[in-house]
Amino acid sequence: MEGVIGVLKLTIKKGTNLAICDWTRGTSDPYVIATLDHQKTKTTVVKENSNPVWDCDLTMIIKDPKAPITLTVHDKDTFSDDDIMGVTHIDLNPYIECMEKRRDFRDLPAGTKLETVQPDEHNNLVEESHIIWNKDAIIQDMVLRLKNAETGEIQVRIEITPVENHRLILQDEVPVEDE
């Protein structure tokens, strides 16, 4: 798996207070499309629900540490193009930094808190969230506010399993040549 930093398992848990797109029924038929780099995957559609529970696992490969995860919530329409209900992004930098700070996680007990991420102008977090080491992966549960939307939040879990023996070279590092 050359060039692969890690395997991403993204669990789209649920949506809360999503916009109403079908005014005749007073509801929506939402689903989520996740994109990372050139990969795209999606959840199932939950019919007639503004507070859907998806509990859907989506898996992608992380190659570019600077590529954000984009989550777009759509309303499924039968006779026209699907409506976009909102979008949010997840920056991979905090996870890459955790992987770089500590290259060997195997000696850490499950549940070790690696970092606390506060809501700010660069992320869409509703509340603070923790990046945690759990067995073989870095995980974070979070609630994200949708942008370009009247209303709505989605609850997700990100789980990154680092690829064995991967060495990420940061911009300010100079590779050491073998002697």
C-alpha atoms as a PDB file:
ATOM      1  CA  MET A   1       0.000   0.000   0.000  1.00  0.00           C
ATOM      2  CA  GLU A   2       2.510   2.532  -1.219  1.00  0.00           C
ATOM      3  CA  GLY A   3       1.819   6.139  -0.308  1.00  0.00           C
ATOM      4  CA  VAL A   4      -0.978   5.190   2.081  1.00  0.00           C
ATOM      5  CA  ILE A   5      -0.845   6.906   5.482  1.00  0.00           C
ATOM      6  CA  GLY A   6      -3.843   5.149   6.980  1.00  0.00           C
ATOM      7  CA  VAL A   7      -7.227   3.569   6.551  1.00  0.00           C
ATOM      8  CA  LEU A   8     -10.186   5.809   7.378  1.00  0.00           C
ATOM      9  CA  LYS A   9     -13.390   4.352   8.763  1.00  0.00           C
ATOM     10  CA  LEU A  10     -15.988   7.084   8.969  1.00  0.00           C
ATOM     11  CA  THR A  11     -19.170   6.272  10.869  1.00  0.00           C
ATOM     12  CA  ILE A  12     -22.014   8.616   9.985  1.00  0.00           C
ATOM     13  CA  LYS A  13     -24.188   8.176  13.081  1.00  0.00           C
ATOM     14  CA  LYS A  14     -27.095  10.591  12.793  1.00  0.00           C
ATOM     15  CA  GLY A  15     -28.378  13.982  11.747  1.00  0.00           C
ATOM     16  CA  THR A  16     -30.160  16.441  13.995  1.00  0.00           C
ATOM     17  CA  ASN A  17     -32.616  19.161  13.025  1.00  0.00           C
ATOM     18  CA  LEU A  18     -31.845  18.933   9.298  1.00  0.00           C
ATOM     19  CA  ALA A  19     -33.552  21.329   6.910  1.00  0.00           C
ATOM     20  CA  ILE A  20     -36.994  20.481   5.550  1.00  0.00           C
ATOM     21  CA  CYS A  21     -36.783  20.105   1.770  1.00  0.00           C
ATOM     22  CA  ASP A  22     -40.177  18.565   1.004  1.00  0.00           C
ATOM     23  CA  TRP A  23     -42.630  21.177   2.225  1.00  0.00           C
ATOM     24  CA  THR A  24     -45.718  19.181   1.256  1.00  0.00           C
ATOM     25  CA  ARG A  25     -44.775  16.448   3.753  1.00  0.00           C
ATOM     26  CA  GLY A  26     -42.801  18.700   6.116  1.00  0.00           C
ATOM     27  CA  THR A  27     -39.736  16.463   6.017  1.00  0.00           C
ATOM     28  CA  SER A  28     -36.717  15.329   3.936  1.00  0.00           C
ATOM     29  CA  ASP A  29     -35.131  12.121   2.629  1.00  0.00           C
ATOM     30  CA  PRO A  30     -31.499  12.710   3.693  1.00  0.00           C
ATOM     31  CA  TYR A  31     -28.288  10.884   2.886  1.00  0.00           C
ATOM     32  CA  VAL A  32     -24.601  11.832   3.222  1.00  0.00           C
ATOM     33  CA  ILE A  33     -21.863  11.763   0.577  1.00  0.00           C
ATOM     34  CA  ALA A  34     -18.299  11.610   1.936  1.00  0.00           C
ATOM     35  CA  THR A  35     -15.368  12.578  -0.271  1.00  0.00           C
ATOM     36  CA  LEU A  36     -11.652  12.332   0.424  1.00  0.00           C
ATOM     37  CA  ASP A  37      -9.097  13.102  -2.244  1.00  0.00           C
ATOM     38  CA  HIS A  38     -10.616  11.372  -5.318  1.00  0.00           C
ATOM     39  CA  GLN A  39     -12.725   8.863  -3.368  1.00  0.00           C
ATOM     40  CA  LYS A  40     -16.479   9.183  -2.882  1.00  0.00           C
ATOM     41  CA  THR A  41     -18.886   7.043  -0.878  1.00  0.00           C
ATOM     42  CA  LYS A  42     -22.348   7.542   0.592  1.00  0.00           C
ATOM     43  CA  THR A  43     -24.838   6.421   3.205  1.00  0.00           C
ATOM     44  CA  THR A  44     -28.278   5.013   2.579  1.00  0.00           C
ATOM     45  CA  VAL A  45     -31.280   7.337   2.257  1.00  0.00           C
ATOM     46  CA  VAL A  46     -33.485   7.695   5.344  1.00  0.00           C
ATOM     47  CA  LYS A  47     -37.016   8.405   4.145  1.00  0.00           C
ATOM     48  CA  GLU A  48     -39.139  11.220   5.568  1.00  0.00           C
ATOM     49  CA  ASN A  49     -36.915  12.203   8.476  1.00  0.00           C
ATOM     50  CA  SER A  50     -35.254  15.441   9.584  1.00  0.00           C
ATOM     51  CA  ASN A  51     -33.477  13.603  12.425  1.00  0.00           C
ATOM     52  CA  PRO A  52     -32.145  10.535  10.571  1.00  0.00           C
ATOM     53  CA  VAL A  53     -30.134   7.721  12.125  1.00  0.00           C
ATOM     54  CA  TRP A  54     -27.767   6.256   9.562  1.00  0.00           C
ATOM     55  CA  ASP A  55     -25.214   4.314  11.684  1.00  0.00           C
ATOM     56  CA  CYS A  56     -23.374   3.745   8.425  1.00  0.00           C
ATOM     57  CA  ASP A  57     -19.658   2.879   8.143  1.00  0.00           C
ATOM     58  CA  LEU A  58     -17.799   4.330   5.155  1.00  0.00           C
ATOM     59  CA  THR A  59     -14.197   3.303   4.441  1.00  0.00           C
ATOM     60  CA  MET A  60     -11.540   5.218   2.485  1.00  0.00           C
ATOM     61  CA  ILE A  61      -7.751   5.298   2.134  1.00  0.00           C
ATOM     62  CA  ILE A  62      -5.724   8.316   3.316  1.00  0.00           C
ATOM     63  CA  LYS A  63      -2.872   9.225   0.970  1.00  0.00           C
ATOM     64  CA  ASP A  64      -2.723  13.025   1.080  1.00  0.00           C
ATOM     65  CA  PRO A  65      -2.463  14.373   4.652  1.00  0.00           C
ATOM     66  CA  LYS A  66      -3.647  17.807   3.491  1.00  0.00           C
ATOM     67  CA  ALA A  67      -6.855  16.590   1.819  1.00  0.00           C
ATOM     68  CA  PRO A  68      -9.920  17.294   3.985  1.00  0.00           C
ATOM     69  CA  ILE A  69     -12.867  14.969   4.338  1.00  0.00           C
ATOM     70  CA  THR A  70     -15.970  16.646   2.919  1.00  0.00           C
ATOM     71  CA  LEU A  71     -19.404  15.544   4.103  1.00  0.00           C
ATOM     72  CA  THR A  72     -22.359  16.780   2.064  1.00  0.00           C
ATOM     73  CA  VAL A  73     -25.917  16.095   3.204  1.00  0.00           C
ATOM     74  CA  HIS A  74     -28.430  15.697   0.366  1.00  0.00           C
ATOM     75  CA  ASP A  75     -32.200  15.286   0.111  1.00  0.00           C
ATOM     76  CA  LYS A  76     -33.172  12.481  -2.280  1.00  0.00           C
ATOM     77  CA  ASP A  77     -35.669  13.607  -4.905  1.00  0.00           C
ATOM     78  CA  THR A  78     -37.500  11.298  -7.303  1.00  0.00           C
ATOM     79  CA  PHE A  79     -38.339  13.643 -10.170  1.00  0.00           C
ATOM     80  CA  SER A  80     -35.599  16.277  -9.923  1.00  0.00           C
ATOM     81  CA  ASP A  81     -31.955  16.686  -8.893  1.00  0.00           C
ATOM     82  CA  ASP A  82     -31.240  15.965  -5.247  1.00  0.00           C
ATOM     83  CA  ASP A  83     -31.094  19.055  -3.009  1.00  0.00           C
ATOM     84  CA  ILE A  84     -27.975  19.908  -1.008  1.00  0.00           C
ATOM     85  CA  MET A  85     -28.941  20.319   2.643  1.00  0.00           C
ATOM     86  CA  GLY A  86     -25.535  21.416   3.951  1.00  0.00           C
ATOM     87  CA  VAL A  87     -21.839  20.634   3.961  1.00  0.00           C
ATOM     88  CA  THR A  88     -19.085  20.225   6.545  1.00  0.00           C
ATOM     89  CA  HIS A  89     -15.385  19.425   6.448  1.00  0.00           C
ATOM     90  CA  ILE A  90     -13.017  17.441   8.652  1.00  0.00           C
ATOM     91  CA  ASP A  91      -9.369  18.490   8.640  1.00  0.00           C
ATOM     92  CA  LEU A  92      -6.952  15.547   8.849  1.00  0.00           C
ATOM     93  CA  ASN A  93      -4.081  17.646  10.278  1.00  0.00           C
ATOM     94  CA  PRO A  94      -4.823  16.947  13.978  1.00  0.00           C
ATOM     95  CA  TYR A  95      -4.707  13.192  13.302  1.00  0.00           C
ATOM     96  CA  ILE A  96      -1.530  13.385  11.228  1.00  0.00           C
ATOM     97  CA  GLU A  97       0.091  15.468  13.990  1.00  0.00           C
ATOM     98  CA  CYS A  98      -0.882  12.838  16.573  1.00  0.00           C
ATOM     99  CA  MET A  99       0.619  10.135  14.355  1.00  0.00           C
ATOM    100  CA  GLU A 100       3.834  12.141  13.959  1.00  0.00           C
ATOM    101  CA  LYS A 101       4.201  13.044  17.650  1.00  0.00           C
ATOM    102  CA  ARG A 102       4.064   9.430  18.639  1.00  0.00           C
ATOM    103  CA  ARG A 103       5.114   6.843  16.121  1.00  0.00           C
ATOM    104  CA  ASP A 104       4.542   3.815  18.352  1.00  0.00           C
ATOM    105  CA  PHE A 105       1.035   3.658  19.792  1.00  0.00           C
ATOM    106  CA  ARG A 106       1.170  -0.036  20.657  1.00  0.00           C
ATOM    107  CA  ASP A 107       2.367   0.607  24.217  1.00  0.00           C
ATOM    108  CA  LEU A 108      -0.506   2.987  25.001  1.00  0.00           C
ATOM    109  CA  PRO A 109      -3.529   1.679  26.871  1.00  0.00           C
ATOM    110  CA  ALA A 110      -6.839   1.813  24.995  1.00  0.00           C
ATOM    111  CA  GLY A 111      -8.719   5.004  25.769  1.00  0.00           C
ATOM    112  CA  THR A 112      -5.615   7.227  26.047  1.00  0.00           C
ATOM    113  CA  LYS A 113      -6.525  10.830  25.186  1.00  0.00           C
ATOM    114  CA  LEU A 114      -4.038  12.134  22.600  1.00  0.00           C
ATOM    115  CA  GLU A 115      -5.455  15.618  22.035  1.00  0.00           C
ATOM    116  CA  THR A 116      -8.463  17.809  22.764  1.00  0.00           C
ATOM    117  CA  VAL A 117      -9.866  19.725  19.794  1.00  0.00           C
ATOM    118  CA  GLN A 118     -11.769  22.930  20.532  1.00  0.00           C
ATOM    119  CA  PRO A 119     -14.377  24.443  18.203  1.00  0.00           C
ATOM    120  CA  ASP A 120     -12.910  27.355  16.242  1.00  0.00           C
ATOM    121  CA  GLU A 121     -13.270  29.220  12.955  1.00  0.00           C
ATOM    122  CA  HIS A 122     -11.356  26.465  11.087  1.00  0.00           C
ATOM    123  CA  ASN A 123     -13.550  23.498  12.035  1.00  0.00           C
ATOM    124  CA  ASN A 124     -17.289  22.952  12.277  1.00  0.00           C
ATOM    125  CA  LEU A 125     -17.295  21.380  15.729  1.00  0.00           C
ATOM    126  CA  VAL A 126     -20.310  22.134  17.902  1.00  0.00           C
ATOM    127  CA  GLU A 127     -18.412  21.280  21.099  1.00  0.00           C
ATOM    128  CA  GLU A 128     -14.935  20.180  22.161  1.00  0.00           C
ATOM    129  CA  SER A 129     -13.940  16.695  21.159  1.00  0.00           C
ATOM    130  CA  HIS A 130     -11.098  14.304  22.002  1.00  0.00           C
ATOM    131  CA  ILE A 131      -8.760  12.336  19.775  1.00  0.00           C
ATOM    132  CA  ILE A 132      -8.272   8.982  21.511  1.00  0.00           C
ATOM    133  CA  TRP A 133      -6.064   5.944  20.973  1.00  0.00           C
ATOM    134  CA  ASN A 134      -8.200   2.799  20.962  1.00  0.00           C
ATOM    135  CA  LYS A 135      -6.416  -0.515  20.317  1.00  0.00           C
ATOM    136  CA  ASP A 136      -5.199  -0.169  16.713  1.00  0.00           C
ATOM    137  CA  ALA A 137      -6.659   3.190  15.707  1.00  0.00           C
ATOM    138  CA  ILE A 138      -7.020   6.885  16.448  1.00  0.00           C
ATOM    139  CA  ILE A 139     -10.695   7.751  17.010  1.00  0.00           C
ATOM    140  CA  GLN A 140     -12.744  10.875  17.555  1.00  0.00           C
ATOM    141  CA  ASP A 141     -16.469  11.270  18.126  1.00  0.00           C
ATOM    142  CA  MET A 142     -17.772  14.677  17.102  1.00  0.00           C
ATOM    143  CA  VAL A 143     -20.845  16.722  16.288  1.00  0.00           C
ATOM    144  CA  LEU A 144     -20.403  18.939  13.228  1.00  0.00           C
ATOM    145  CA  ARG A 145     -22.499  21.958  12.270  1.00  0.00           C
ATOM    146  CA  LEU A 146     -23.581  22.054   8.625  1.00  0.00           C
ATOM    147  CA  LYS A 147     -22.511  25.090   6.592  1.00  0.00           C
ATOM    148  CA  ASN A 148     -24.609  26.620   3.799  1.00  0.00           C
ATOM    149  CA  ALA A 149     -27.704  25.281   5.559  1.00  0.00           C
ATOM    150  CA  GLU A 150     -30.691  26.763   7.321  1.00  0.00           C
ATOM    151  CA  THR A 151     -30.113  24.370  10.198  1.00  0.00           C
ATOM    152  CA  GLY A 152     -28.623  21.001  11.013  1.00  0.00           C
ATOM    153  CA  GLU A 153     -25.812  19.013  12.575  1.00  0.00           C
ATOM    154  CA  ILE A 154     -24.403  15.550  11.984  1.00  0.00           C
ATOM    155  CA  GLN A 155     -22.801  13.231  14.496  1.00  0.00           C
ATOM    156  CA  VAL A 156     -19.832  11.251  13.207  1.00  0.00           C
ATOM    157  CA  ARG A 157     -16.976   9.058  14.384  1.00  0.00           C
ATOM    158  CA  ILE A 158     -13.675   9.156  12.594  1.00  0.00           C
ATOM    159  CA  GLU A 159     -11.351   6.190  13.014  1.00  0.00           C
ATOM    160  CA  ILE A 160      -7.897   6.144  11.436  1.00  0.00           C
ATOM    161  CA  THR A 161      -5.776   3.023  11.475  1.00  0.00           C
ATOM    162  CA  PRO A 162      -2.167   3.996  10.727  1.00  0.00           C
ATOM    163  CA  VAL A 163      -0.391   1.898   8.118  1.00  0.00           C
ATOM    164  CA  GLU A 164       2.509  -0.088   9.568  1.00  0.00           C
ATOM    165  CA  ASN A 165       6.003   1.293   8.936  1.00  0.00           C
ATOM    166  CA  HIS A 166       4.692   4.424   7.228  1.00  0.00           C
ATOM    167  CA  ARG A 167       7.004   7.383   7.686  1.00  0.00           C
ATOM    168  CA  LEU A 168       5.386  10.714   6.903  1.00  0.00           C
ATOM    169  CA  ILE A 169       7.894  13.417   5.974  1.00  0.00           C
ATOM    170  CA  LEU A 170       6.706  16.832   7.047  1.00  0.00           C
ATOM    171  CA  GLN A 171       7.553  19.934   4.980  1.00  0.00           C
ATOM    172  CA  ASP A 172      10.200  21.274   7.354  1.00  0.00           C
ATOM    173  CA  GLU A 173      11.936  17.915   7.792  1.00  0.00           C
ATOM    174  CA  VAL A 174      14.910  16.977   5.679  1.00  0.00           C
ATOM    175  CA  PRO A 175      15.197  13.281   4.824  1.00  0.00           C
ATOM    176  CA  VAL A 176      18.238  11.657   6.405  1.00  0.00           C
ATOM    177  CA  GLU A 177      20.445   9.911   3.884  1.00  0.00           C
ATOM    178  CA  ASP A 178      21.854   6.485   4.697  1.00  0.00           C
ATOM    179  CA  GLU A 179      25.553   6.514   5.552  1.00  0.00           C
END
